[in-house]
Amino acid sequence: MTAELETVNDVQTRLKGVRTAMVTTPDERGTLSSRPVTIQKITADGDIWFLVDLSSDWVRPAGGGAINVAVIDDDETWVSFAGRAEVVSDPAKVDDLKDTFSDAFFDEASEPVALRAVTDRIEWWTAAGTMTQLFEIAKAKVTESKPDVGDSGTIEV
């Protein structure tokens, strides 16, 4: 089975190279709304940084409110970062987060800002590949036990 995630460093290692997350925030109606956003950085304290357009209708209402960031590494590990959103318009921070691909998402009318998910809690779930899951289910039927199809845990930060 997949190894447990016990620290933020474990999470950083597991998600290395994963660039897309689903970011969920309350919208102007008070309901939850999600959208895919590119991860720029996951810090040692579990915060996640993104570059977003301040003029996007969801960004201003998100600032200071609750945020959830959901990431899947390779269809075997699901990670949820819960906390609050912080919009940072400091040009130095925006420049620090930019990379060769980020400019493609902004045109001349865009107002790039940094969005920081200030993480309080990380929850994770793992599952083996389909063949291993099928084997575990069959084994559980024969041995009249529960199948070992994954793990889960929480990291408070």
C-alpha atoms as a PDB file:
ATOM      1  CA  MET A   1       0.000   0.000   0.000  1.00  0.00           C
ATOM      2  CA  THR A   2       1.050   3.617  -0.361  1.00  0.00           C
ATOM      3  CA  ALA A   3       3.120   5.171   2.430  1.00  0.00           C
ATOM      4  CA  GLU A   4       1.467   7.391   5.010  1.00  0.00           C
ATOM      5  CA  LEU A   5       1.897  11.146   4.974  1.00  0.00           C
ATOM      6  CA  GLU A   6       2.968  12.272   8.438  1.00  0.00           C
ATOM      7  CA  THR A   7       4.515  15.700   7.851  1.00  0.00           C
ATOM      8  CA  VAL A   8       4.158  18.679   5.528  1.00  0.00           C
ATOM      9  CA  ASN A   9       7.480  17.616   4.002  1.00  0.00           C
ATOM     10  CA  ASP A  10       5.923  14.220   3.149  1.00  0.00           C
ATOM     11  CA  VAL A  11       3.072  16.052   1.419  1.00  0.00           C
ATOM     12  CA  GLN A  12       5.488  18.313  -0.485  1.00  0.00           C
ATOM     13  CA  THR A  13       7.443  15.269  -1.654  1.00  0.00           C
ATOM     14  CA  ARG A  14       4.309  13.362  -2.695  1.00  0.00           C
ATOM     15  CA  LEU A  15       2.904  16.337  -4.641  1.00  0.00           C
ATOM     16  CA  LYS A  16       6.199  17.384  -6.268  1.00  0.00           C
ATOM     17  CA  GLY A  17       5.485  18.106  -9.902  1.00  0.00           C
ATOM     18  CA  VAL A  18       1.695  18.290  -9.502  1.00  0.00           C
ATOM     19  CA  ARG A  19       0.636  21.648 -10.910  1.00  0.00           C
ATOM     20  CA  THR A  20      -3.170  21.697 -10.867  1.00  0.00           C
ATOM     21  CA  ALA A  21      -5.464  22.025  -7.859  1.00  0.00           C
ATOM     22  CA  MET A  22      -9.175  22.584  -7.413  1.00  0.00           C
ATOM     23  CA  VAL A  23      -9.640  25.692  -5.271  1.00  0.00           C
ATOM     24  CA  THR A  24     -12.975  26.048  -3.457  1.00  0.00           C
ATOM     25  CA  THR A  25     -14.116  29.310  -1.857  1.00  0.00           C
ATOM     26  CA  PRO A  26     -17.438  30.862  -0.871  1.00  0.00           C
ATOM     27  CA  ASP A  27     -18.920  32.877  -3.718  1.00  0.00           C
ATOM     28  CA  GLU A  28     -20.977  36.084  -3.688  1.00  0.00           C
ATOM     29  CA  ARG A  29     -24.142  34.032  -2.917  1.00  0.00           C
ATOM     30  CA  GLY A  30     -22.541  32.353   0.091  1.00  0.00           C
ATOM     31  CA  THR A  31     -22.373  28.964  -1.622  1.00  0.00           C
ATOM     32  CA  LEU A  32     -19.181  27.083  -2.448  1.00  0.00           C
ATOM     33  CA  SER A  33     -17.619  27.399  -5.865  1.00  0.00           C
ATOM     34  CA  SER A  34     -14.574  25.573  -7.272  1.00  0.00           C
ATOM     35  CA  ARG A  35     -12.189  26.152 -10.133  1.00  0.00           C
ATOM     36  CA  PRO A  36      -8.851  24.694 -11.319  1.00  0.00           C
ATOM     37  CA  VAL A  37      -5.805  26.826 -10.499  1.00  0.00           C
ATOM     38  CA  THR A  38      -2.099  26.264 -11.128  1.00  0.00           C
ATOM     39  CA  ILE A  39       0.028  25.630  -8.033  1.00  0.00           C
ATOM     40  CA  GLN A  40       3.073  27.902  -7.916  1.00  0.00           C
ATOM     41  CA  LYS A  41       4.500  26.762  -4.580  1.00  0.00           C
ATOM     42  CA  ILE A  42       3.784  24.630  -1.498  1.00  0.00           C
ATOM     43  CA  THR A  43       5.699  25.989   1.498  1.00  0.00           C
ATOM     44  CA  ALA A  44       7.306  24.140   4.413  1.00  0.00           C
ATOM     45  CA  ASP A  45       4.412  25.229   6.650  1.00  0.00           C
ATOM     46  CA  GLY A  46       1.786  23.793   4.274  1.00  0.00           C
ATOM     47  CA  ASP A  47       0.625  27.010   2.643  1.00  0.00           C
ATOM     48  CA  ILE A  48      -0.051  26.957  -1.094  1.00  0.00           C
ATOM     49  CA  TRP A  49       0.607  29.893  -3.411  1.00  0.00           C
ATOM     50  CA  PHE A  50      -1.123  30.617  -6.720  1.00  0.00           C
ATOM     51  CA  LEU A  51      -1.048  33.445  -9.251  1.00  0.00           C
ATOM     52  CA  VAL A  52      -4.540  34.697 -10.076  1.00  0.00           C
ATOM     53  CA  ASP A  53      -6.171  37.640 -11.828  1.00  0.00           C
ATOM     54  CA  LEU A  54      -7.545  40.120  -9.277  1.00  0.00           C
ATOM     55  CA  SER A  55     -10.265  41.072 -11.754  1.00  0.00           C
ATOM     56  CA  SER A  56     -11.656  37.510 -11.758  1.00  0.00           C
ATOM     57  CA  ASP A  57     -15.057  37.574 -10.092  1.00  0.00           C
ATOM     58  CA  TRP A  58     -14.134  34.953  -7.472  1.00  0.00           C
ATOM     59  CA  VAL A  59     -10.806  36.402  -6.244  1.00  0.00           C
ATOM     60  CA  ARG A  60     -11.901  39.460  -4.221  1.00  0.00           C
ATOM     61  CA  PRO A  61     -14.663  37.604  -2.320  1.00  0.00           C
ATOM     62  CA  ALA A  62     -12.154  34.828  -1.532  1.00  0.00           C
ATOM     63  CA  GLY A  63      -9.698  37.123   0.261  1.00  0.00           C
ATOM     64  CA  GLY A  64      -9.881  36.556   4.007  1.00  0.00           C
ATOM     65  CA  GLY A  65     -12.514  33.831   3.683  1.00  0.00           C
ATOM     66  CA  ALA A  66     -12.389  30.078   3.948  1.00  0.00           C
ATOM     67  CA  ILE A  67     -10.532  28.131   1.283  1.00  0.00           C
ATOM     68  CA  ASN A  68     -10.064  24.481   0.409  1.00  0.00           C
ATOM     69  CA  VAL A  69      -7.460  23.254  -2.032  1.00  0.00           C
ATOM     70  CA  ALA A  70      -7.857  19.715  -3.387  1.00  0.00           C
ATOM     71  CA  VAL A  71      -4.966  17.978  -5.158  1.00  0.00           C
ATOM     72  CA  ILE A  72      -4.655  14.492  -6.660  1.00  0.00           C
ATOM     73  CA  ASP A  73      -1.128  13.273  -7.377  1.00  0.00           C
ATOM     74  CA  ASP A  74      -1.491  10.221  -9.620  1.00  0.00           C
ATOM     75  CA  ASP A  75      -4.943   8.845  -8.905  1.00  0.00           C
ATOM     76  CA  GLU A  76      -3.519   7.186  -5.786  1.00  0.00           C
ATOM     77  CA  THR A  77      -3.287  10.090  -3.326  1.00  0.00           C
ATOM     78  CA  TRP A  78      -5.889  12.762  -2.622  1.00  0.00           C
ATOM     79  CA  VAL A  79      -4.885  15.735  -0.475  1.00  0.00           C
ATOM     80  CA  SER A  80      -7.138  18.467   0.941  1.00  0.00           C
ATOM     81  CA  PHE A  81      -5.682  21.706   2.354  1.00  0.00           C
ATOM     82  CA  ALA A  82      -8.151  23.660   4.529  1.00  0.00           C
ATOM     83  CA  GLY A  83      -7.638  27.194   5.799  1.00  0.00           C
ATOM     84  CA  ARG A  84      -8.242  30.773   4.776  1.00  0.00           C
ATOM     85  CA  ALA A  85      -7.476  32.725   1.632  1.00  0.00           C
ATOM     86  CA  GLU A  86      -5.183  35.724   1.529  1.00  0.00           C
ATOM     87  CA  VAL A  87      -4.798  37.945  -1.551  1.00  0.00           C
ATOM     88  CA  VAL A  88      -1.291  39.445  -1.771  1.00  0.00           C
ATOM     89  CA  SER A  89      -0.836  42.228  -4.329  1.00  0.00           C
ATOM     90  CA  ASP A  90       2.865  42.848  -3.589  1.00  0.00           C
ATOM     91  CA  PRO A  91       4.613  42.999  -7.005  1.00  0.00           C
ATOM     92  CA  ALA A  92       7.769  41.426  -5.525  1.00  0.00           C
ATOM     93  CA  LYS A  93       5.791  38.374  -4.376  1.00  0.00           C
ATOM     94  CA  VAL A  94       4.055  38.093  -7.741  1.00  0.00           C
ATOM     95  CA  ASP A  95       7.433  38.240  -9.510  1.00  0.00           C
ATOM     96  CA  ASP A  96       8.842  35.639  -7.104  1.00  0.00           C
ATOM     97  CA  LEU A  97       6.038  33.212  -7.997  1.00  0.00           C
ATOM     98  CA  LYS A  98       6.144  33.735 -11.755  1.00  0.00           C
ATOM     99  CA  ASP A  99       7.619  31.079 -13.993  1.00  0.00           C
ATOM    100  CA  THR A 100       7.942  30.560 -17.736  1.00  0.00           C
ATOM    101  CA  PHE A 101       4.342  29.338 -18.047  1.00  0.00           C
ATOM    102  CA  SER A 102       2.431  31.723 -15.786  1.00  0.00           C
ATOM    103  CA  ASP A 103       2.514  34.681 -18.186  1.00  0.00           C
ATOM    104  CA  ALA A 104       0.386  32.672 -20.633  1.00  0.00           C
ATOM    105  CA  PHE A 105      -2.588  33.022 -18.264  1.00  0.00           C
ATOM    106  CA  PHE A 106      -2.490  36.823 -18.104  1.00  0.00           C
ATOM    107  CA  ASP A 107      -3.121  39.410 -20.812  1.00  0.00           C
ATOM    108  CA  GLU A 108      -2.565  43.183 -20.703  1.00  0.00           C
ATOM    109  CA  ALA A 109      -5.922  43.758 -18.961  1.00  0.00           C
ATOM    110  CA  SER A 110      -5.100  41.263 -16.180  1.00  0.00           C
ATOM    111  CA  GLU A 111      -4.118  42.240 -12.650  1.00  0.00           C
ATOM    112  CA  PRO A 112      -1.878  39.366 -11.464  1.00  0.00           C
ATOM    113  CA  VAL A 113      -1.837  38.904  -7.689  1.00  0.00           C
ATOM    114  CA  ALA A 114      -0.701  36.117  -5.420  1.00  0.00           C
ATOM    115  CA  LEU A 115      -3.340  34.018  -3.675  1.00  0.00           C
ATOM    116  CA  ARG A 116      -2.112  32.253  -0.563  1.00  0.00           C
ATOM    117  CA  ALA A 117      -4.028  29.385   0.985  1.00  0.00           C
ATOM    118  CA  VAL A 118      -3.007  29.747   4.636  1.00  0.00           C
ATOM    119  CA  THR A 119      -3.368  26.124   5.674  1.00  0.00           C
ATOM    120  CA  ASP A 120      -4.625  25.017   9.095  1.00  0.00           C
ATOM    121  CA  ARG A 121      -5.174  21.343   8.327  1.00  0.00           C
ATOM    122  CA  ILE A 122      -4.146  18.859   5.661  1.00  0.00           C
ATOM    123  CA  GLU A 123      -6.211  15.710   5.169  1.00  0.00           C
ATOM    124  CA  TRP A 124      -5.111  12.910   2.874  1.00  0.00           C
ATOM    125  CA  TRP A 125      -6.347   9.616   1.493  1.00  0.00           C
ATOM    126  CA  THR A 126      -4.440   6.975  -0.452  1.00  0.00           C
ATOM    127  CA  ALA A 127      -5.592   4.063  -2.569  1.00  0.00           C
ATOM    128  CA  ALA A 128      -3.639   1.467  -4.497  1.00  0.00           C
ATOM    129  CA  GLY A 129      -4.170   0.875  -8.184  1.00  0.00           C
ATOM    130  CA  THR A 130      -7.249  -0.912  -9.478  1.00  0.00           C
ATOM    131  CA  MET A 131      -5.626  -4.357  -9.704  1.00  0.00           C
ATOM    132  CA  THR A 132      -4.375  -4.194  -6.107  1.00  0.00           C
ATOM    133  CA  GLN A 133      -7.794  -3.054  -4.924  1.00  0.00           C
ATOM    134  CA  LEU A 134      -9.472  -5.954  -6.726  1.00  0.00           C
ATOM    135  CA  PHE A 135      -6.988  -8.392  -5.167  1.00  0.00           C
ATOM    136  CA  GLU A 136      -7.590  -6.948  -1.682  1.00  0.00           C
ATOM    137  CA  ILE A 137     -11.369  -7.183  -2.108  1.00  0.00           C
ATOM    138  CA  ALA A 138     -11.143 -10.802  -3.292  1.00  0.00           C
ATOM    139  CA  LYS A 139      -8.764 -11.675  -0.427  1.00  0.00           C
ATOM    140  CA  ALA A 140     -11.141 -10.062   2.074  1.00  0.00           C
ATOM    141  CA  LYS A 141     -14.036 -12.154   0.743  1.00  0.00           C
ATOM    142  CA  VAL A 142     -12.035 -15.379   1.125  1.00  0.00           C
ATOM    143  CA  THR A 143     -10.642 -14.514   4.572  1.00  0.00           C
ATOM    144  CA  GLU A 144     -13.853 -12.811   5.743  1.00  0.00           C
ATOM    145  CA  SER A 145     -11.922  -9.674   6.661  1.00  0.00           C
ATOM    146  CA  LYS A 146     -11.934  -6.044   5.581  1.00  0.00           C
ATOM    147  CA  PRO A 147     -10.031  -5.180   2.396  1.00  0.00           C
ATOM    148  CA  ASP A 148      -6.876  -3.081   2.758  1.00  0.00           C
ATOM    149  CA  VAL A 149      -7.558  -0.590  -0.036  1.00  0.00           C
ATOM    150  CA  GLY A 150      -5.972   2.552   1.385  1.00  0.00           C
ATOM    151  CA  ASP A 151      -5.076   4.821   4.262  1.00  0.00           C
ATOM    152  CA  SER A 152      -6.013   8.275   5.447  1.00  0.00           C
ATOM    153  CA  GLY A 153      -4.788  10.829   7.928  1.00  0.00           C
ATOM    154  CA  THR A 154      -4.703  14.413   9.094  1.00  0.00           C
ATOM    155  CA  ILE A 155      -1.811  16.822   9.601  1.00  0.00           C
ATOM    156  CA  GLU A 156      -2.516  19.881  11.767  1.00  0.00           C
ATOM    157  CA  VAL A 157      -0.299  22.815  10.779  1.00  0.00           C
END
